[in-house]
Amino acid sequence: MPDFIMQLKNKILFLLVFLGGSFAAHADLSLEGHYQGKNLYVQNPEDEDGFGFCVTKATVNGDPIVDGLQSSAFEIDFSQFGLKIGDPVFIVLEHGLGCKPKVLNQEVLLPKSTFEVESISCTPDGKLVWTTTGESGKLPFVIEQYRWNKWVVIGEVDGTGDATTNEYTFNVSPHSGENKVRVVQTDHTGKKRPSDAVSFTNTSILEPEVNPKKVSKSITFTSGNTPIETKYEIYDAYGNIVKKGVGSEVDCSNLKKGAYYINYDNKNEKFIKT
């Protein structure tokens, strides 16, 4: 009986080792993105035994790639799979454990900013509406407002990525006087693609003033004698931002003595902390 048990254990151990080796005989390299009209190139080294090549199986959205695997490099031709621009793509490269393929240009699967603005407008109370066509991948639209002599990011809306007509909305917080806003996309190239700017004016918003110019404890924003809320940023003399927010009063008691610069409403001013 002990010999039988020992033989059985050995057989089970052999089976486990065999199955373990079978399960670990290969690994998968996967990547995903969206078809942008360009093919993918894969560097395919020899396998660890030197009798073949690393990639043993490759699929695009579950469909097998038949040609090219038995070479040191191969091209994945997406036109064979009936894909359209913007369609999702999921690629799996099955390869041996002792080697690894290299995808040479995987950036071609990243979405590009290709949108065209059909219309863009903003109501006096700040409702921004724009329509687009020609999107080829899901990228966010960043909304920028021109204030303090620069374009300031105020929000973000996800793009649908559809090539058909798409409509988007965003609520802008207006400042006094003329407002200018635009939408911007930035893809993997890092290049910003802005729309034309649209202008609007909200005559109900009063122009605030900041007091005092020499500050010991706090700054207040008023119109006449009435406190008024506004967006603000405070920088020190070295250009470091020390406070930001929205309100009618700013506590400055913890600021060190010296010169500061404040952006508020659509103005830039200097004040002294005493």
C-alpha atoms as a PDB file:
ATOM      1  CA  MET A   1       0.000   0.000   0.000  1.00  0.00           C
ATOM      2  CA  PRO A   2       2.759   2.532   0.795  1.00  0.00           C
ATOM      3  CA  ASP A   3       4.424   1.819  -2.601  1.00  0.00           C
ATOM      4  CA  PHE A   4       1.091   2.310  -4.355  1.00  0.00           C
ATOM      5  CA  ILE A   5       0.553   5.617  -2.585  1.00  0.00           C
ATOM      6  CA  MET A   6       4.083   6.740  -3.444  1.00  0.00           C
ATOM      7  CA  GLN A   7       3.569   5.840  -7.112  1.00  0.00           C
ATOM      8  CA  LEU A   8       0.268   7.691  -7.129  1.00  0.00           C
ATOM      9  CA  LYS A   9       1.900  10.762  -5.596  1.00  0.00           C
ATOM     10  CA  ASN A  10       4.642  10.687  -8.212  1.00  0.00           C
ATOM     11  CA  LYS A  11       2.102  10.440 -11.006  1.00  0.00           C
ATOM     12  CA  ILE A  12       0.117  13.371  -9.574  1.00  0.00           C
ATOM     13  CA  LEU A  13       3.293  15.418  -9.168  1.00  0.00           C
ATOM     14  CA  PHE A  14       4.314  14.648 -12.766  1.00  0.00           C
ATOM     15  CA  LEU A  15       0.853  15.639 -13.980  1.00  0.00           C
ATOM     16  CA  LEU A  16       0.958  18.930 -12.060  1.00  0.00           C
ATOM     17  CA  VAL A  17       4.400  19.761 -13.417  1.00  0.00           C
ATOM     18  CA  PHE A  18       3.255  18.888 -16.935  1.00  0.00           C
ATOM     19  CA  LEU A  19       0.111  20.971 -16.668  1.00  0.00           C
ATOM     20  CA  GLY A  20       1.995  23.857 -15.067  1.00  0.00           C
ATOM     21  CA  GLY A  21       4.476  23.826 -17.923  1.00  0.00           C
ATOM     22  CA  SER A  22       1.657  23.724 -20.441  1.00  0.00           C
ATOM     23  CA  PHE A  23      -0.147  26.667 -18.895  1.00  0.00           C
ATOM     24  CA  ALA A  24       3.049  28.725 -18.681  1.00  0.00           C
ATOM     25  CA  ALA A  25       4.305  27.888 -22.184  1.00  0.00           C
ATOM     26  CA  HIS A  26       3.446  31.332 -23.515  1.00  0.00           C
ATOM     27  CA  ALA A  27       2.574  34.883 -22.533  1.00  0.00           C
ATOM     28  CA  ASP A  28       0.348  37.543 -24.044  1.00  0.00           C
ATOM     29  CA  LEU A  29       1.173  41.084 -25.081  1.00  0.00           C
ATOM     30  CA  SER A  30      -1.994  43.109 -25.553  1.00  0.00           C
ATOM     31  CA  LEU A  31      -2.720  46.682 -26.569  1.00  0.00           C
ATOM     32  CA  GLU A  32      -5.817  48.627 -27.462  1.00  0.00           C
ATOM     33  CA  GLY A  33      -6.824  51.884 -29.040  1.00  0.00           C
ATOM     34  CA  HIS A  34      -8.776  53.170 -32.027  1.00  0.00           C
ATOM     35  CA  TYR A  35      -8.123  52.683 -35.718  1.00  0.00           C
ATOM     36  CA  GLN A  36      -6.731  55.909 -37.174  1.00  0.00           C
ATOM     37  CA  GLY A  37      -6.127  54.783 -40.758  1.00  0.00           C
ATOM     38  CA  LYS A  38      -2.550  53.533 -40.261  1.00  0.00           C
ATOM     39  CA  ASN A  39      -1.111  50.024 -39.890  1.00  0.00           C
ATOM     40  CA  LEU A  40       0.869  48.645 -36.986  1.00  0.00           C
ATOM     41  CA  TYR A  41       4.421  47.277 -37.243  1.00  0.00           C
ATOM     42  CA  VAL A  42       5.745  44.548 -34.942  1.00  0.00           C
ATOM     43  CA  GLN A  43       9.364  43.544 -34.405  1.00  0.00           C
ATOM     44  CA  ASN A  44       9.377  39.753 -34.049  1.00  0.00           C
ATOM     45  CA  PRO A  45      12.657  38.274 -32.721  1.00  0.00           C
ATOM     46  CA  GLU A  46      13.603  34.613 -32.866  1.00  0.00           C
ATOM     47  CA  ASP A  47      12.270  32.383 -30.128  1.00  0.00           C
ATOM     48  CA  GLU A  48      14.595  31.240 -27.368  1.00  0.00           C
ATOM     49  CA  ASP A  49      15.445  27.990 -29.186  1.00  0.00           C
ATOM     50  CA  GLY A  50      16.349  29.760 -32.430  1.00  0.00           C
ATOM     51  CA  PHE A  51      14.105  27.511 -34.527  1.00  0.00           C
ATOM     52  CA  GLY A  52      11.268  29.949 -35.138  1.00  0.00           C
ATOM     53  CA  PHE A  53       9.967  33.357 -34.242  1.00  0.00           C
ATOM     54  CA  CYS A  54       8.641  34.781 -31.018  1.00  0.00           C
ATOM     55  CA  VAL A  55       4.981  35.450 -31.887  1.00  0.00           C
ATOM     56  CA  THR A  56       3.019  32.225 -32.200  1.00  0.00           C
ATOM     57  CA  LYS A  57      -0.451  33.711 -32.560  1.00  0.00           C
ATOM     58  CA  ALA A  58      -1.919  37.167 -33.116  1.00  0.00           C
ATOM     59  CA  THR A  59      -5.498  38.455 -33.151  1.00  0.00           C
ATOM     60  CA  VAL A  60      -7.285  41.724 -33.885  1.00  0.00           C
ATOM     61  CA  ASN A  61     -10.597  42.017 -32.042  1.00  0.00           C
ATOM     62  CA  GLY A  62     -10.543  38.228 -31.737  1.00  0.00           C
ATOM     63  CA  ASP A  63      -9.901  37.581 -35.442  1.00  0.00           C
ATOM     64  CA  PRO A  64      -6.598  35.817 -36.239  1.00  0.00           C
ATOM     65  CA  ILE A  65      -3.764  37.371 -38.207  1.00  0.00           C
ATOM     66  CA  VAL A  66      -2.714  34.734 -40.726  1.00  0.00           C
ATOM     67  CA  ASP A  67       0.225  36.147 -42.679  1.00  0.00           C
ATOM     68  CA  GLY A  68       3.637  37.408 -41.631  1.00  0.00           C
ATOM     69  CA  LEU A  69       4.156  35.779 -38.240  1.00  0.00           C
ATOM     70  CA  GLN A  70       7.065  33.641 -39.497  1.00  0.00           C
ATOM     71  CA  SER A  71       9.351  36.603 -40.098  1.00  0.00           C
ATOM     72  CA  SER A  72      11.531  38.963 -38.074  1.00  0.00           C
ATOM     73  CA  ALA A  73       9.002  41.783 -38.503  1.00  0.00           C
ATOM     74  CA  PHE A  74       5.437  41.912 -39.701  1.00  0.00           C
ATOM     75  CA  GLU A  75       2.712  44.445 -40.439  1.00  0.00           C
ATOM     76  CA  ILE A  76      -0.823  44.340 -39.059  1.00  0.00           C
ATOM     77  CA  ASP A  77      -2.987  45.525 -41.938  1.00  0.00           C
ATOM     78  CA  PHE A  78      -6.226  46.715 -40.358  1.00  0.00           C
ATOM     79  CA  SER A  79      -7.944  47.064 -43.747  1.00  0.00           C
ATOM     80  CA  GLN A  80      -8.284  43.264 -43.763  1.00  0.00           C
ATOM     81  CA  PHE A  81     -10.652  43.486 -40.811  1.00  0.00           C
ATOM     82  CA  GLY A  82     -13.107  45.985 -42.281  1.00  0.00           C
ATOM     83  CA  LEU A  83     -12.369  48.666 -39.696  1.00  0.00           C
ATOM     84  CA  LYS A  84     -13.474  52.276 -40.036  1.00  0.00           C
ATOM     85  CA  ILE A  85     -11.698  55.337 -38.693  1.00  0.00           C
ATOM     86  CA  GLY A  86     -12.370  55.591 -34.965  1.00  0.00           C
ATOM     87  CA  ASP A  87     -13.365  51.934 -34.505  1.00  0.00           C
ATOM     88  CA  PRO A  88     -12.004  50.333 -31.304  1.00  0.00           C
ATOM     89  CA  VAL A  89      -9.095  47.919 -31.728  1.00  0.00           C
ATOM     90  CA  PHE A  90      -7.874  45.226 -29.324  1.00  0.00           C
ATOM     91  CA  ILE A  91      -4.736  43.307 -30.299  1.00  0.00           C
ATOM     92  CA  VAL A  92      -3.283  40.227 -28.602  1.00  0.00           C
ATOM     93  CA  LEU A  93       0.178  38.881 -29.474  1.00  0.00           C
ATOM     94  CA  GLU A  94       0.801  35.415 -28.030  1.00  0.00           C
ATOM     95  CA  HIS A  95       4.538  34.738 -27.652  1.00  0.00           C
ATOM     96  CA  GLY A  96       7.041  32.414 -26.021  1.00  0.00           C
ATOM     97  CA  LEU A  97       8.313  33.063 -22.509  1.00  0.00           C
ATOM     98  CA  GLY A  98      11.942  33.450 -23.543  1.00  0.00           C
ATOM     99  CA  CYS A  99      11.327  36.300 -25.967  1.00  0.00           C
ATOM    100  CA  LYS A 100       9.089  39.310 -26.405  1.00  0.00           C
ATOM    101  CA  PRO A 101       7.829  41.117 -29.523  1.00  0.00           C
ATOM    102  CA  LYS A 102       8.026  44.888 -29.781  1.00  0.00           C
ATOM    103  CA  VAL A 103       5.329  47.097 -31.260  1.00  0.00           C
ATOM    104  CA  LEU A 104       7.189  49.853 -33.096  1.00  0.00           C
ATOM    105  CA  ASN A 105       4.470  52.462 -33.618  1.00  0.00           C
ATOM    106  CA  GLN A 106       1.661  51.888 -31.137  1.00  0.00           C
ATOM    107  CA  GLU A 107       0.958  55.646 -31.135  1.00  0.00           C
ATOM    108  CA  VAL A 108      -1.008  55.106 -34.380  1.00  0.00           C
ATOM    109  CA  LEU A 109      -3.803  53.657 -32.225  1.00  0.00           C
ATOM    110  CA  LEU A 110      -4.110  56.791 -30.095  1.00  0.00           C
ATOM    111  CA  PRO A 111      -6.966  59.163 -30.932  1.00  0.00           C
ATOM    112  CA  LYS A 112      -6.176  62.287 -32.925  1.00  0.00           C
ATOM    113  CA  SER A 113      -7.854  65.649 -32.651  1.00  0.00           C
ATOM    114  CA  THR A 114      -9.697  65.962 -35.947  1.00  0.00           C
ATOM    115  CA  PHE A 115     -12.847  67.820 -34.893  1.00  0.00           C
ATOM    116  CA  GLU A 116     -14.318  70.668 -36.922  1.00  0.00           C
ATOM    117  CA  VAL A 117     -16.549  73.215 -35.188  1.00  0.00           C
ATOM    118  CA  GLU A 118     -19.793  73.704 -37.083  1.00  0.00           C
ATOM    119  CA  SER A 119     -21.097  76.365 -34.676  1.00  0.00           C
ATOM    120  CA  ILE A 120     -20.216  77.888 -31.310  1.00  0.00           C
ATOM    121  CA  SER A 121     -22.106  80.473 -29.246  1.00  0.00           C
ATOM    122  CA  CYS A 122     -22.525  81.640 -25.672  1.00  0.00           C
ATOM    123  CA  THR A 123     -25.515  83.344 -24.071  1.00  0.00           C
ATOM    124  CA  PRO A 124     -25.080  86.390 -21.772  1.00  0.00           C
ATOM    125  CA  ASP A 125     -25.590  84.186 -18.698  1.00  0.00           C
ATOM    126  CA  GLY A 126     -22.719  81.916 -19.803  1.00  0.00           C
ATOM    127  CA  LYS A 127     -24.330  78.900 -21.511  1.00  0.00           C
ATOM    128  CA  LEU A 128     -21.732  77.790 -24.042  1.00  0.00           C
ATOM    129  CA  VAL A 129     -22.980  75.549 -26.882  1.00  0.00           C
ATOM    130  CA  TRP A 130     -20.892  74.113 -29.700  1.00  0.00           C
ATOM    131  CA  THR A 131     -21.407  71.475 -32.376  1.00  0.00           C
ATOM    132  CA  THR A 132     -18.698  69.438 -34.060  1.00  0.00           C
ATOM    133  CA  THR A 133     -18.186  66.985 -36.890  1.00  0.00           C
ATOM    134  CA  GLY A 134     -15.258  64.811 -37.923  1.00  0.00           C
ATOM    135  CA  GLU A 135     -14.181  63.482 -34.516  1.00  0.00           C
ATOM    136  CA  SER A 136     -12.155  60.263 -34.868  1.00  0.00           C
ATOM    137  CA  GLY A 137     -11.488  59.318 -31.244  1.00  0.00           C
ATOM    138  CA  LYS A 138     -12.651  60.085 -27.730  1.00  0.00           C
ATOM    139  CA  LEU A 139     -10.770  63.148 -26.501  1.00  0.00           C
ATOM    140  CA  PRO A 140     -11.901  65.726 -23.925  1.00  0.00           C
ATOM    141  CA  PHE A 141     -12.773  69.281 -24.902  1.00  0.00           C
ATOM    142  CA  VAL A 142     -11.090  71.732 -22.530  1.00  0.00           C
ATOM    143  CA  ILE A 143     -12.958  75.025 -22.076  1.00  0.00           C
ATOM    144  CA  GLU A 144     -10.807  78.133 -21.745  1.00  0.00           C
ATOM    145  CA  GLN A 145     -11.791  81.679 -20.773  1.00  0.00           C
ATOM    146  CA  TYR A 146      -9.645  84.689 -21.568  1.00  0.00           C
ATOM    147  CA  ARG A 147      -8.996  86.665 -18.422  1.00  0.00           C
ATOM    148  CA  TRP A 148      -5.965  88.229 -16.732  1.00  0.00           C
ATOM    149  CA  ASN A 149      -4.277  88.534 -20.138  1.00  0.00           C
ATOM    150  CA  LYS A 150      -4.153  84.782 -20.654  1.00  0.00           C
ATOM    151  CA  TRP A 151      -6.316  81.784 -21.497  1.00  0.00           C
ATOM    152  CA  VAL A 152      -7.479  80.118 -18.270  1.00  0.00           C
ATOM    153  CA  VAL A 153      -8.838  76.562 -18.120  1.00  0.00           C
ATOM    154  CA  ILE A 154     -12.311  76.598 -16.557  1.00  0.00           C
ATOM    155  CA  GLY A 155     -13.644  73.128 -17.305  1.00  0.00           C
ATOM    156  CA  GLU A 156     -13.716  69.984 -19.406  1.00  0.00           C
ATOM    157  CA  VAL A 157     -16.317  68.028 -21.389  1.00  0.00           C
ATOM    158  CA  ASP A 158     -15.735  64.510 -22.748  1.00  0.00           C
ATOM    159  CA  GLY A 159     -15.916  64.209 -26.527  1.00  0.00           C
ATOM    160  CA  THR A 160     -17.978  61.388 -28.048  1.00  0.00           C
ATOM    161  CA  GLY A 161     -15.427  60.595 -30.752  1.00  0.00           C
ATOM    162  CA  ASP A 162     -18.186  60.192 -33.362  1.00  0.00           C
ATOM    163  CA  ALA A 163     -17.609  61.541 -36.872  1.00  0.00           C
ATOM    164  CA  THR A 164     -21.247  62.632 -37.108  1.00  0.00           C
ATOM    165  CA  THR A 165     -22.622  65.909 -35.709  1.00  0.00           C
ATOM    166  CA  ASN A 166     -22.222  66.217 -31.929  1.00  0.00           C
ATOM    167  CA  GLU A 167     -23.543  68.962 -29.633  1.00  0.00           C
ATOM    168  CA  TYR A 168     -21.955  69.951 -26.325  1.00  0.00           C
ATOM    169  CA  THR A 169     -22.807  72.451 -23.589  1.00  0.00           C
ATOM    170  CA  PHE A 170     -20.925  74.015 -20.666  1.00  0.00           C
ATOM    171  CA  ASN A 171     -21.859  76.696 -18.128  1.00  0.00           C
ATOM    172  CA  VAL A 172     -19.307  79.521 -18.000  1.00  0.00           C
ATOM    173  CA  SER A 173     -19.043  81.855 -14.996  1.00  0.00           C
ATOM    174  CA  PRO A 174     -18.956  85.314 -16.624  1.00  0.00           C
ATOM    175  CA  HIS A 175     -16.900  88.246 -15.401  1.00  0.00           C
ATOM    176  CA  SER A 176     -17.769  91.913 -15.923  1.00  0.00           C
ATOM    177  CA  GLY A 177     -17.326  93.437 -19.374  1.00  0.00           C
ATOM    178  CA  GLU A 178     -16.597  91.420 -22.492  1.00  0.00           C
ATOM    179  CA  ASN A 179     -15.969  87.687 -22.048  1.00  0.00           C
ATOM    180  CA  LYS A 180     -14.130  85.455 -24.501  1.00  0.00           C
ATOM    181  CA  VAL A 181     -14.257  81.652 -24.426  1.00  0.00           C
ATOM    182  CA  ARG A 182     -13.110  78.803 -26.664  1.00  0.00           C
ATOM    183  CA  VAL A 183     -12.828  75.007 -26.675  1.00  0.00           C
ATOM    184  CA  VAL A 184      -9.526  73.175 -27.112  1.00  0.00           C
ATOM    185  CA  GLN A 185      -8.425  69.614 -27.768  1.00  0.00           C
ATOM    186  CA  THR A 186      -4.912  68.208 -27.288  1.00  0.00           C
ATOM    187  CA  ASP A 187      -4.031  64.739 -28.585  1.00  0.00           C
ATOM    188  CA  HIS A 188      -0.944  62.561 -28.065  1.00  0.00           C
ATOM    189  CA  THR A 189       1.192  64.902 -30.188  1.00  0.00           C
ATOM    190  CA  GLY A 190       0.863  67.565 -27.474  1.00  0.00           C
ATOM    191  CA  LYS A 191      -0.338  70.175 -29.952  1.00  0.00           C
ATOM    192  CA  LYS A 192      -3.378  72.232 -28.916  1.00  0.00           C
ATOM    193  CA  ARG A 193      -6.199  72.639 -31.435  1.00  0.00           C
ATOM    194  CA  PRO A 194      -8.424  75.543 -30.322  1.00  0.00           C
ATOM    195  CA  SER A 195     -11.721  76.615 -31.809  1.00  0.00           C
ATOM    196  CA  ASP A 196     -12.394  80.219 -32.712  1.00  0.00           C
ATOM    197  CA  ALA A 197     -13.132  82.341 -29.651  1.00  0.00           C
ATOM    198  CA  VAL A 198     -16.690  83.519 -29.041  1.00  0.00           C
ATOM    199  CA  SER A 199     -17.479  86.744 -27.140  1.00  0.00           C
ATOM    200  CA  PHE A 200     -20.401  87.708 -24.934  1.00  0.00           C
ATOM    201  CA  THR A 201     -21.270  90.311 -22.298  1.00  0.00           C
ATOM    202  CA  ASN A 202     -23.387  89.984 -19.169  1.00  0.00           C
ATOM    203  CA  THR A 203     -24.516  93.511 -18.303  1.00  0.00           C
ATOM    204  CA  SER A 204     -25.938  92.420 -14.936  1.00  0.00           C
ATOM    205  CA  ILE A 205     -22.481  91.663 -13.505  1.00  0.00           C
ATOM    206  CA  LEU A 206     -21.032  94.657 -11.689  1.00  0.00           C
ATOM    207  CA  GLU A 207     -17.361  95.555 -11.993  1.00  0.00           C
ATOM    208  CA  PRO A 208     -15.685  94.964  -8.621  1.00  0.00           C
ATOM    209  CA  GLU A 209     -12.931  96.956  -6.970  1.00  0.00           C
ATOM    210  CA  VAL A 210     -10.325  95.648  -4.541  1.00  0.00           C
ATOM    211  CA  ASN A 211      -9.602  97.375  -1.229  1.00  0.00           C
ATOM    212  CA  PRO A 212      -7.387  98.280   0.506  1.00  0.00           C
ATOM    213  CA  LYS A 213      -4.146  98.716  -1.464  1.00  0.00           C
ATOM    214  CA  LYS A 214      -2.123  98.268   1.724  1.00  0.00           C
ATOM    215  CA  VAL A 215      -3.383  95.154   3.444  1.00  0.00           C
ATOM    216  CA  SER A 216      -2.949  94.178   7.071  1.00  0.00           C
ATOM    217  CA  LYS A 217      -5.659  91.532   7.512  1.00  0.00           C
ATOM    218  CA  SER A 218      -7.975  91.059   4.533  1.00  0.00           C
ATOM    219  CA  ILE A 219      -8.953  92.180   1.044  1.00  0.00           C
ATOM    220  CA  THR A 220     -12.553  92.900   0.088  1.00  0.00           C
ATOM    221  CA  PHE A 221     -14.182  93.091  -3.323  1.00  0.00           C
ATOM    222  CA  THR A 222     -16.940  95.676  -3.607  1.00  0.00           C
ATOM    223  CA  SER A 223     -19.033  97.531  -6.121  1.00  0.00           C
ATOM    224  CA  GLY A 224     -19.928 100.851  -4.558  1.00  0.00           C
ATOM    225  CA  ASN A 225     -20.359  99.871  -0.920  1.00  0.00           C
ATOM    226  CA  THR A 226     -21.766  96.439  -1.712  1.00  0.00           C
ATOM    227  CA  PRO A 227     -19.621  93.287  -1.320  1.00  0.00           C
ATOM    228  CA  ILE A 228     -19.414  91.299  -4.545  1.00  0.00           C
ATOM    229  CA  GLU A 229     -18.077  87.810  -5.170  1.00  0.00           C
ATOM    230  CA  THR A 230     -15.425  87.283  -7.799  1.00  0.00           C
ATOM    231  CA  LYS A 231     -12.826  84.726  -8.839  1.00  0.00           C
ATOM    232  CA  TYR A 232      -9.310  85.638  -7.691  1.00  0.00           C
ATOM    233  CA  GLU A 233      -5.679  84.510  -7.634  1.00  0.00           C
ATOM    234  CA  ILE A 234      -2.870  86.016  -5.514  1.00  0.00           C
ATOM    235  CA  TYR A 235       0.811  85.675  -6.448  1.00  0.00           C
ATOM    236  CA  ASP A 236       3.921  86.602  -4.514  1.00  0.00           C
ATOM    237  CA  ALA A 237       6.780  88.656  -5.971  1.00  0.00           C
ATOM    238  CA  TYR A 238       8.354  85.469  -7.404  1.00  0.00           C
ATOM    239  CA  GLY A 239       5.252  84.441  -9.332  1.00  0.00           C
ATOM    240  CA  ASN A 240       4.185  81.687  -6.921  1.00  0.00           C
ATOM    241  CA  ILE A 241       0.461  81.398  -6.371  1.00  0.00           C
ATOM    242  CA  VAL A 242      -0.368  81.717  -2.660  1.00  0.00           C
ATOM    243  CA  LYS A 243      -4.167  81.962  -2.663  1.00  0.00           C
ATOM    244  CA  LYS A 244      -7.016  81.337  -5.096  1.00  0.00           C
ATOM    245  CA  GLY A 245     -10.756  80.967  -4.925  1.00  0.00           C
ATOM    246  CA  VAL A 246     -14.103  82.694  -5.279  1.00  0.00           C
ATOM    247  CA  GLY A 247     -15.498  85.118  -2.720  1.00  0.00           C
ATOM    248  CA  SER A 248     -16.074  88.695  -1.631  1.00  0.00           C
ATOM    249  CA  GLU A 249     -13.268  88.696   0.966  1.00  0.00           C
ATOM    250  CA  VAL A 250      -9.794  87.148   1.195  1.00  0.00           C
ATOM    251  CA  ASP A 251      -8.010  86.513   4.497  1.00  0.00           C
ATOM    252  CA  CYS A 252      -4.426  87.757   4.075  1.00  0.00           C
ATOM    253  CA  SER A 253      -3.365  87.664   7.728  1.00  0.00           C
ATOM    254  CA  ASN A 254      -1.036  84.711   7.145  1.00  0.00           C
ATOM    255  CA  LEU A 255       0.812  86.324   4.228  1.00  0.00           C
ATOM    256  CA  LYS A 256       4.323  87.603   4.802  1.00  0.00           C
ATOM    257  CA  LYS A 257       5.002  91.308   4.442  1.00  0.00           C
ATOM    258  CA  GLY A 258       5.848  92.454   0.940  1.00  0.00           C
ATOM    259  CA  ALA A 259       4.485  92.990  -2.560  1.00  0.00           C
ATOM    260  CA  TYR A 260       1.805  90.771  -4.090  1.00  0.00           C
ATOM    261  CA  TYR A 261      -0.170  90.659  -7.306  1.00  0.00           C
ATOM    262  CA  ILE A 262      -3.855  89.862  -7.482  1.00  0.00           C
ATOM    263  CA  ASN A 263      -5.927  88.701 -10.445  1.00  0.00           C
ATOM    264  CA  TYR A 264      -9.656  89.189  -9.958  1.00  0.00           C
ATOM    265  CA  ASP A 265     -12.688  89.601 -12.185  1.00  0.00           C
ATOM    266  CA  ASN A 266     -10.798  90.489 -15.385  1.00  0.00           C
ATOM    267  CA  LYS A 267      -8.196  92.755 -13.761  1.00  0.00           C
ATOM    268  CA  ASN A 268      -4.600  92.615 -12.523  1.00  0.00           C
ATOM    269  CA  GLU A 269      -3.415  94.777  -9.626  1.00  0.00           C
ATOM    270  CA  LYS A 270      -0.609  95.049  -7.081  1.00  0.00           C
ATOM    271  CA  PHE A 271      -0.971  95.396  -3.309  1.00  0.00           C
ATOM    272  CA  ILE A 272       1.332  95.599  -0.312  1.00  0.00           C
ATOM    273  CA  LYS A 273       0.991  93.326   2.715  1.00  0.00           C
ATOM    274  CA  THR A 274       1.958  95.317   5.822  1.00  0.00           C
END
